[in-house]
Amino acid sequence: MKSLTEREKGFEAEFKRNQELMFRVTARRNRLFGLWAAVRLDLPAGEEAEAYAKTVVAADFEAPGSRRPKRRSVTSITPG
């Protein structure tokens, strides 16, 4: 029985590690996408571009999903 408990704890730790990694990967992807979009919007590099990238990352927290940051950026890029 002890080995089953140990295996369960091991699987839980692996799942937690994988979830944290996916969170970091997604946040980094959204940040890099935000920086790319800032260039397309002709925002000056530096603080303004970083601030815009943070809004793109935050948009994913509001409504998680891979399309949300893109929608946030596209509405900012397109006129009107």
PDB file of N, CA and C in Angstrom:
ATOM      1  N   MET A   1       0.806  -1.184   0.000  1.00  0.00           N
ATOM      2  CA  MET A   1       0.000   0.000   0.000  1.00  0.00           C
ATOM      3  C   MET A   1       0.858   1.261   0.000  1.00  0.00           C
ATOM      4  N   LYS A   2       1.978   1.182   0.656  1.00  0.00           N
ATOM      5  CA  LYS A   2       2.828   2.364   0.752  1.00  0.00           C
ATOM      6  C   LYS A   2       3.319   2.796  -0.633  1.00  0.00           C
ATOM      7  N   SER A   3       3.646   1.853  -1.470  1.00  0.00           N
ATOM      8  CA  SER A   3       4.148   2.194  -2.794  1.00  0.00           C
ATOM      9  C   SER A   3       3.063   2.871  -3.642  1.00  0.00           C
ATOM     10  N   LEU A   4       1.805   2.486  -3.467  1.00  0.00           N
ATOM     11  CA  LEU A   4       0.712   3.122  -4.189  1.00  0.00           C
ATOM     12  C   LEU A   4       0.564   4.583  -3.767  1.00  0.00           C
ATOM     13  N   THR A   5       0.691   4.856  -2.493  1.00  0.00           N
ATOM     14  CA  THR A   5       0.607   6.220  -1.986  1.00  0.00           C
ATOM     15  C   THR A   5       1.762   7.058  -2.524  1.00  0.00           C
ATOM     16  N   GLU A   6       2.933   6.464  -2.548  1.00  0.00           N
ATOM     17  CA  GLU A   6       4.096   7.170  -3.077  1.00  0.00           C
ATOM     18  C   GLU A   6       3.923   7.482  -4.565  1.00  0.00           C
ATOM     19  N   ARG A   7       3.395   6.508  -5.311  1.00  0.00           N
ATOM     20  CA  ARG A   7       3.157   6.728  -6.746  1.00  0.00           C
ATOM     21  C   ARG A   7       2.134   7.835  -6.958  1.00  0.00           C
ATOM     22  N   GLU A   8       1.084   7.823  -6.134  1.00  0.00           N
ATOM     23  CA  GLU A   8       0.053   8.854  -6.243  1.00  0.00           C
ATOM     24  C   GLU A   8       0.655  10.245  -5.996  1.00  0.00           C
ATOM     25  N   LYS A   9       1.470  10.360  -4.975  1.00  0.00           N
ATOM     26  CA  LYS A   9       2.119  11.638  -4.680  1.00  0.00           C
ATOM     27  C   LYS A   9       3.042  12.051  -5.816  1.00  0.00           C
ATOM     28  N   GLY A  10       3.713  11.079  -6.400  1.00  0.00           N
ATOM     29  CA  GLY A  10       4.592  11.361  -7.529  1.00  0.00           C
ATOM     30  C   GLY A  10       3.820  11.876  -8.738  1.00  0.00           C
ATOM     31  N   PHE A  11       2.684  11.248  -9.033  1.00  0.00           N
ATOM     32  CA  PHE A  11       1.857  11.699 -10.157  1.00  0.00           C
ATOM     33  C   PHE A  11       1.293  13.096  -9.896  1.00  0.00           C
ATOM     34  N   GLU A  12       0.881  13.347  -8.659  1.00  0.00           N
ATOM     35  CA  GLU A  12       0.369  14.674  -8.320  1.00  0.00           C
ATOM     36  C   GLU A  12       1.444  15.737  -8.460  1.00  0.00           C
ATOM     37  N   ALA A  13       2.657  15.425  -8.028  1.00  0.00           N
ATOM     38  CA  ALA A  13       3.758  16.378  -8.151  1.00  0.00           C
ATOM     39  C   ALA A  13       4.085  16.636  -9.621  1.00  0.00           C
ATOM     40  N   GLU A  14       4.062  15.588 -10.432  1.00  0.00           N
ATOM     41  CA  GLU A  14       4.327  15.756 -11.862  1.00  0.00           C
ATOM     42  C   GLU A  14       3.234  16.603 -12.526  1.00  0.00           C
ATOM     43  N   PHE A  15       1.986  16.359 -12.166  1.00  0.00           N
ATOM     44  CA  PHE A  15       0.882  17.134 -12.718  1.00  0.00           C
ATOM     45  C   PHE A  15       1.027  18.610 -12.342  1.00  0.00           C
ATOM     46  N   LYS A  16       1.339  18.870 -11.093  1.00  0.00           N
ATOM     47  CA  LYS A  16       1.534  20.255 -10.632  1.00  0.00           C
ATOM     48  C   LYS A  16       2.670  20.922 -11.402  1.00  0.00           C
ATOM     49  N   ARG A  17       3.768  20.225 -11.569  1.00  0.00           N
ATOM     50  CA  ARG A  17       4.923  20.751 -12.301  1.00  0.00           C
ATOM     51  C   ARG A  17       4.546  21.063 -13.746  1.00  0.00           C
ATOM     52  N   ASN A  18       3.807  20.156 -14.385  1.00  0.00           N
ATOM     53  CA  ASN A  18       3.388  20.368 -15.774  1.00  0.00           C
ATOM     54  C   ASN A  18       2.443  21.555 -15.914  1.00  0.00           C
ATOM     55  N   GLN A  19       1.531  21.715 -14.953  1.00  0.00           N
ATOM     56  CA  GLN A  19       0.599  22.842 -14.991  1.00  0.00           C
ATOM     57  C   GLN A  19       1.330  24.170 -14.819  1.00  0.00           C
ATOM     58  N   GLU A  20       2.288  24.226 -13.916  1.00  0.00           N
ATOM     59  CA  GLU A  20       3.073  25.445 -13.716  1.00  0.00           C
ATOM     60  C   GLU A  20       3.886  25.777 -14.958  1.00  0.00           C
ATOM     61  N   LEU A  21       4.449  24.756 -15.582  1.00  0.00           N
ATOM     62  CA  LEU A  21       5.226  24.970 -16.797  1.00  0.00           C
ATOM     63  C   LEU A  21       4.343  25.498 -17.924  1.00  0.00           C
ATOM     64  N   MET A  22       3.170  24.916 -18.092  1.00  0.00           N
ATOM     65  CA  MET A  22       2.251  25.385 -19.131  1.00  0.00           C
ATOM     66  C   MET A  22       1.813  26.825 -18.876  1.00  0.00           C
ATOM     67  N   PHE A  23       1.608  27.189 -17.616  1.00  0.00           N
ATOM     68  CA  PHE A  23       1.249  28.558 -17.275  1.00  0.00           C
ATOM     69  C   PHE A  23       2.357  29.521 -17.695  1.00  0.00           C
ATOM     70  N   ARG A  24       3.599  29.173 -17.353  1.00  0.00           N
ATOM     71  CA  ARG A  24       4.722  30.043 -17.712  1.00  0.00           C
ATOM     72  C   ARG A  24       4.915  30.136 -19.217  1.00  0.00           C
ATOM     73  N   VAL A  25       4.764  29.020 -19.907  1.00  0.00           N
ATOM     74  CA  VAL A  25       4.918  29.008 -21.368  1.00  0.00           C
ATOM     75  C   VAL A  25       3.844  29.876 -22.024  1.00  0.00           C
ATOM     76  N   THR A  26       2.613  29.746 -21.565  1.00  0.00           N
ATOM     77  CA  THR A  26       1.519  30.526 -22.141  1.00  0.00           C
ATOM     78  C   THR A  26       1.699  32.015 -21.864  1.00  0.00           C
ATOM     79  N   ALA A  27       2.087  32.359 -20.651  1.00  0.00           N
ATOM     80  CA  ALA A  27       2.303  33.764 -20.320  1.00  0.00           C
ATOM     81  C   ALA A  27       3.443  34.345 -21.154  1.00  0.00           C
ATOM     82  N   ARG A  28       4.492  33.579 -21.356  1.00  0.00           N
ATOM     83  CA  ARG A  28       5.615  34.060 -22.166  1.00  0.00           C
ATOM     84  C   ARG A  28       5.196  34.227 -23.624  1.00  0.00           C
ATOM     85  N   ARG A  29       4.441  33.261 -24.142  1.00  0.00           N
ATOM     86  CA  ARG A  29       3.941  33.365 -25.516  1.00  0.00           C
ATOM     87  C   ARG A  29       3.102  34.627 -25.691  1.00  0.00           C
ATOM     88  N   ASN A  30       2.206  34.881 -24.742  1.00  0.00           N
ATOM     89  CA  ASN A  30       1.351  36.060 -24.833  1.00  0.00           C
ATOM     90  C   ASN A  30       2.151  37.349 -24.728  1.00  0.00           C
ATOM     91  N   ARG A  31       3.179  37.352 -23.884  1.00  0.00           N
ATOM     92  CA  ARG A  31       4.028  38.544 -23.755  1.00  0.00           C
ATOM     93  C   ARG A  31       4.775  38.823 -25.058  1.00  0.00           C
ATOM     94  N   LEU A  32       5.351  37.779 -25.635  1.00  0.00           N
ATOM     95  CA  LEU A  32       6.073  37.961 -26.893  1.00  0.00           C
ATOM     96  C   LEU A  32       5.132  38.392 -28.014  1.00  0.00           C
ATOM     97  N   PHE A  33       3.926  37.844 -28.016  1.00  0.00           N
ATOM     98  CA  PHE A  33       2.936  38.266 -29.001  1.00  0.00           C
ATOM     99  C   PHE A  33       2.572  39.734 -28.792  1.00  0.00           C
ATOM    100  N   GLY A  34       2.440  40.145 -27.541  1.00  0.00           N
ATOM    101  CA  GLY A  34       2.148  41.545 -27.234  1.00  0.00           C
ATOM    102  C   GLY A  34       3.255  42.475 -27.668  1.00  0.00           C
ATOM    103  N   LEU A  35       4.499  42.051 -27.503  1.00  0.00           N
ATOM    104  CA  LEU A  35       5.627  42.875 -27.963  1.00  0.00           C
ATOM    105  C   LEU A  35       5.626  42.984 -29.482  1.00  0.00           C
ATOM    106  N   TRP A  36       5.313  41.878 -30.153  1.00  0.00           N
ATOM    107  CA  TRP A  36       5.223  41.911 -31.613  1.00  0.00           C
ATOM    108  C   TRP A  36       4.111  42.870 -32.051  1.00  0.00           C
ATOM    109  N   ALA A  37       2.961  42.779 -31.394  1.00  0.00           N
ATOM    110  CA  ALA A  37       1.835  43.646 -31.739  1.00  0.00           C
ATOM    111  C   ALA A  37       2.165  45.106 -31.457  1.00  0.00           C
ATOM    112  N   ALA A  38       2.936  45.368 -30.407  1.00  0.00           N
ATOM    113  CA  ALA A  38       3.336  46.750 -30.093  1.00  0.00           C
ATOM    114  C   ALA A  38       4.172  47.342 -31.215  1.00  0.00           C
ATOM    115  N   VAL A  39       5.017  46.536 -31.820  1.00  0.00           N
ATOM    116  CA  VAL A  39       5.803  47.009 -32.962  1.00  0.00           C
ATOM    117  C   VAL A  39       4.877  47.328 -34.127  1.00  0.00           C
ATOM    118  N   ARG A  40       3.886  46.467 -34.355  1.00  0.00           N
ATOM    119  CA  ARG A  40       2.928  46.687 -35.442  1.00  0.00           C
ATOM    120  C   ARG A  40       2.092  47.944 -35.206  1.00  0.00           C
ATOM    121  N   LEU A  41       1.886  48.306 -33.923  1.00  0.00           N
ATOM    122  CA  LEU A  41       1.131  49.507 -33.581  1.00  0.00           C
ATOM    123  C   LEU A  41       2.013  50.756 -33.550  1.00  0.00           C
ATOM    124  N   ASP A  42       3.287  50.583 -33.872  1.00  0.00           N
ATOM    125  CA  ASP A  42       4.272  51.672 -33.848  1.00  0.00           C
ATOM    126  C   ASP A  42       4.427  52.291 -32.469  1.00  0.00           C
ATOM    127  N   LEU A  43       4.300  51.469 -31.425  1.00  0.00           N
ATOM    128  CA  LEU A  43       4.569  51.950 -30.075  1.00  0.00           C
ATOM    129  C   LEU A  43       6.076  51.990 -29.880  1.00  0.00           C
ATOM    130  N   PRO A  44       6.566  52.991 -29.175  1.00  0.00           N
ATOM    131  CA  PRO A  44       8.015  53.042 -28.951  1.00  0.00           C
ATOM    132  C   PRO A  44       8.491  51.858 -28.116  1.00  0.00           C
ATOM    133  N   ALA A  45       9.644  51.352 -28.455  1.00  0.00           N
ATOM    134  CA  ALA A  45      10.208  50.219 -27.715  1.00  0.00           C
ATOM    135  C   ALA A  45      10.501  50.667 -26.289  1.00  0.00           C
ATOM    136  N   GLY A  46      10.423  49.761 -25.374  1.00  0.00           N
ATOM    137  CA  GLY A  46      10.708  50.086 -23.981  1.00  0.00           C
ATOM    138  C   GLY A  46       9.476  49.944 -23.122  1.00  0.00           C
ATOM    139  N   GLU A  47       9.240  50.946 -22.284  1.00  0.00           N
ATOM    140  CA  GLU A  47       8.173  50.864 -21.295  1.00  0.00           C
ATOM    141  C   GLU A  47       6.786  50.754 -21.915  1.00  0.00           C
ATOM    142  N   GLU A  48       6.519  51.505 -22.973  1.00  0.00           N
ATOM    143  CA  GLU A  48       5.192  51.465 -23.592  1.00  0.00           C
ATOM    144  C   GLU A  48       4.914  50.104 -24.218  1.00  0.00           C
ATOM    145  N   ALA A  49       5.903  49.545 -24.891  1.00  0.00           N
ATOM    146  CA  ALA A  49       5.735  48.226 -25.501  1.00  0.00           C
ATOM    147  C   ALA A  49       5.548  47.163 -24.416  1.00  0.00           C
ATOM    148  N   GLU A  50       6.311  47.255 -23.340  1.00  0.00           N
ATOM    149  CA  GLU A  50       6.175  46.301 -22.238  1.00  0.00           C
ATOM    150  C   GLU A  50       4.800  46.424 -21.583  1.00  0.00           C
ATOM    151  N   ALA A  51       4.326  47.659 -21.410  1.00  0.00           N
ATOM    152  CA  ALA A  51       3.008  47.868 -20.807  1.00  0.00           C
ATOM    153  C   ALA A  51       1.920  47.261 -21.684  1.00  0.00           C
ATOM    154  N   TYR A  52       2.054  47.429 -22.990  1.00  0.00           N
ATOM    155  CA  TYR A  52       1.069  46.847 -23.897  1.00  0.00           C
ATOM    156  C   TYR A  52       1.128  45.320 -23.834  1.00  0.00           C
ATOM    157  N   ALA A  53       2.325  44.775 -23.785  1.00  0.00           N
ATOM    158  CA  ALA A  53       2.475  43.314 -23.705  1.00  0.00           C
ATOM    159  C   ALA A  53       1.840  42.784 -22.421  1.00  0.00           C
ATOM    160  N   LYS A  54       1.945  43.534 -21.334  1.00  0.00           N
ATOM    161  CA  LYS A  54       1.327  43.111 -20.079  1.00  0.00           C
ATOM    162  C   LYS A  54      -0.193  43.101 -20.191  1.00  0.00           C
ATOM    163  N   THR A  55      -0.757  44.039 -20.956  1.00  0.00           N
ATOM    164  CA  THR A  55      -2.218  44.036 -21.127  1.00  0.00           C
ATOM    165  C   THR A  55      -2.660  42.812 -21.922  1.00  0.00           C
ATOM    166  N   VAL A  56      -1.822  42.381 -22.859  1.00  0.00           N
ATOM    167  CA  VAL A  56      -2.151  41.176 -23.629  1.00  0.00           C
ATOM    168  C   VAL A  56      -2.101  39.947 -22.721  1.00  0.00           C
ATOM    169  N   VAL A  57      -1.121  39.888 -21.843  1.00  0.00           N
ATOM    170  CA  VAL A  57      -1.028  38.769 -20.896  1.00  0.00           C
ATOM    171  C   VAL A  57      -2.222  38.802 -19.946  1.00  0.00           C
ATOM    172  N   ALA A  58      -2.579  39.984 -19.471  1.00  0.00           N
ATOM    173  CA  ALA A  58      -3.714  40.119 -18.548  1.00  0.00           C
ATOM    174  C   ALA A  58      -5.029  39.736 -19.222  1.00  0.00           C
ATOM    175  N   ALA A  59      -5.140  39.971 -20.523  1.00  0.00           N
ATOM    176  CA  ALA A  59      -6.367  39.618 -21.238  1.00  0.00           C
ATOM    177  C   ALA A  59      -6.613  38.113 -21.177  1.00  0.00           C
ATOM    178  N   ASP A  60      -5.560  37.331 -21.134  1.00  0.00           N
ATOM    179  CA  ASP A  60      -5.712  35.880 -21.049  1.00  0.00           C
ATOM    180  C   ASP A  60      -6.205  35.458 -19.668  1.00  0.00           C
ATOM    181  N   PHE A  61      -5.904  36.239 -18.629  1.00  0.00           N
ATOM    182  CA  PHE A  61      -6.403  35.922 -17.295  1.00  0.00           C
ATOM    183  C   PHE A  61      -7.897  36.195 -17.198  1.00  0.00           C
ATOM    184  N   GLU A  62      -8.373  37.217 -17.903  1.00  0.00           N
ATOM    185  CA  GLU A  62      -9.788  37.573 -17.865  1.00  0.00           C
ATOM    186  C   GLU A  62     -10.642  36.481 -18.506  1.00  0.00           C
ATOM    187  N   ALA A  63     -10.228  36.032 -19.679  1.00  0.00           N
ATOM    188  CA  ALA A  63     -10.950  34.976 -20.390  1.00  0.00           C
ATOM    189  C   ALA A  63      -9.921  34.033 -20.988  1.00  0.00           C
ATOM    190  N   PRO A  64      -9.535  32.986 -20.254  1.00  0.00           N
ATOM    191  CA  PRO A  64      -8.487  32.089 -20.742  1.00  0.00           C
ATOM    192  C   PRO A  64      -8.844  31.439 -22.080  1.00  0.00           C
ATOM    193  N   GLY A  65      -7.833  31.228 -22.856  1.00  0.00           N
ATOM    194  CA  GLY A  65      -7.998  30.597 -24.161  1.00  0.00           C
ATOM    195  C   GLY A  65      -7.006  31.189 -25.128  1.00  0.00           C
ATOM    196  N   SER A  66      -6.601  30.426 -26.105  1.00  0.00           N
ATOM    197  CA  SER A  66      -5.543  30.883 -26.994  1.00  0.00           C
ATOM    198  C   SER A  66      -5.993  32.000 -27.926  1.00  0.00           C
ATOM    199  N   ARG A  67      -7.291  32.208 -28.116  1.00  0.00           N
ATOM    200  CA  ARG A  67      -7.753  33.245 -29.027  1.00  0.00           C
ATOM    201  C   ARG A  67      -7.881  34.609 -28.354  1.00  0.00           C
ATOM    202  N   ARG A  68      -8.032  34.669 -27.057  1.00  0.00           N
ATOM    203  CA  ARG A  68      -8.291  35.929 -26.361  1.00  0.00           C
ATOM    204  C   ARG A  68      -7.176  36.968 -26.556  1.00  0.00           C
ATOM    205  N   PRO A  69      -5.900  36.658 -26.341  1.00  0.00           N
ATOM    206  CA  PRO A  69      -4.858  37.675 -26.534  1.00  0.00           C
ATOM    207  C   PRO A  69      -4.811  38.168 -27.978  1.00  0.00           C
ATOM    208  N   LYS A  70      -5.041  37.269 -28.918  1.00  0.00           N
ATOM    209  CA  LYS A  70      -5.017  37.674 -30.321  1.00  0.00           C
ATOM    210  C   LYS A  70      -6.154  38.638 -30.606  1.00  0.00           C
ATOM    211  N   ARG A  71      -7.344  38.338 -30.074  1.00  0.00           N
ATOM    212  CA  ARG A  71      -8.488  39.214 -30.278  1.00  0.00           C
ATOM    213  C   ARG A  71      -8.220  40.589 -29.685  1.00  0.00           C
ATOM    214  N   ARG A  72      -7.602  40.636 -28.516  1.00  0.00           N
ATOM    215  CA  ARG A  72      -7.279  41.904 -27.852  1.00  0.00           C
ATOM    216  C   ARG A  72      -6.342  42.714 -28.717  1.00  0.00           C
ATOM    217  N   SER A  73      -5.358  42.079 -29.301  1.00  0.00           N
ATOM    218  CA  SER A  73      -4.380  42.777 -30.109  1.00  0.00           C
ATOM    219  C   SER A  73      -4.958  43.191 -31.454  1.00  0.00           C
ATOM    220  N   VAL A  74      -5.722  42.331 -32.070  1.00  0.00           N
ATOM    221  CA  VAL A  74      -6.270  42.624 -33.384  1.00  0.00           C
ATOM    222  C   VAL A  74      -7.221  43.808 -33.313  1.00  0.00           C
ATOM    223  N   THR A  75      -8.004  43.896 -32.250  1.00  0.00           N
ATOM    224  CA  THR A  75      -8.906  45.036 -32.138  1.00  0.00           C
ATOM    225  C   THR A  75      -8.129  46.329 -31.937  1.00  0.00           C
ATOM    226  N   SER A  76      -6.952  46.237 -31.357  1.00  0.00           N
ATOM    227  CA  SER A  76      -6.127  47.432 -31.187  1.00  0.00           C
ATOM    228  C   SER A  76      -5.412  47.798 -32.480  1.00  0.00           C
ATOM    229  N   ILE A  77      -5.080  46.808 -33.286  1.00  0.00           N
ATOM    230  CA  ILE A  77      -4.318  47.066 -34.508  1.00  0.00           C
ATOM    231  C   ILE A  77      -5.216  47.593 -35.614  1.00  0.00           C
ATOM    232  N   THR A  78      -6.400  47.021 -35.736  1.00  0.00           N
ATOM    233  CA  THR A  78      -7.262  47.413 -36.827  1.00  0.00           C
ATOM    234  C   THR A  78      -7.892  48.776 -36.556  1.00  0.00           C
ATOM    235  N   PRO A  79      -8.019  49.629 -37.574  1.00  0.00           N
ATOM    236  CA  PRO A  79      -8.605  50.929 -37.355  1.00  0.00           C
ATOM    237  C   PRO A  79     -10.115  50.832 -37.116  1.00  0.00           C
ATOM    238  N   GLY A  80     -10.624  51.771 -36.338  1.00  0.00           N
ATOM    239  CA  GLY A  80     -12.066  51.886 -36.126  1.00  0.00           C
ATOM    240  C   GLY A  80     -12.509  50.969 -35.087  1.00  0.00           C
TER     241      GLY A  80
END
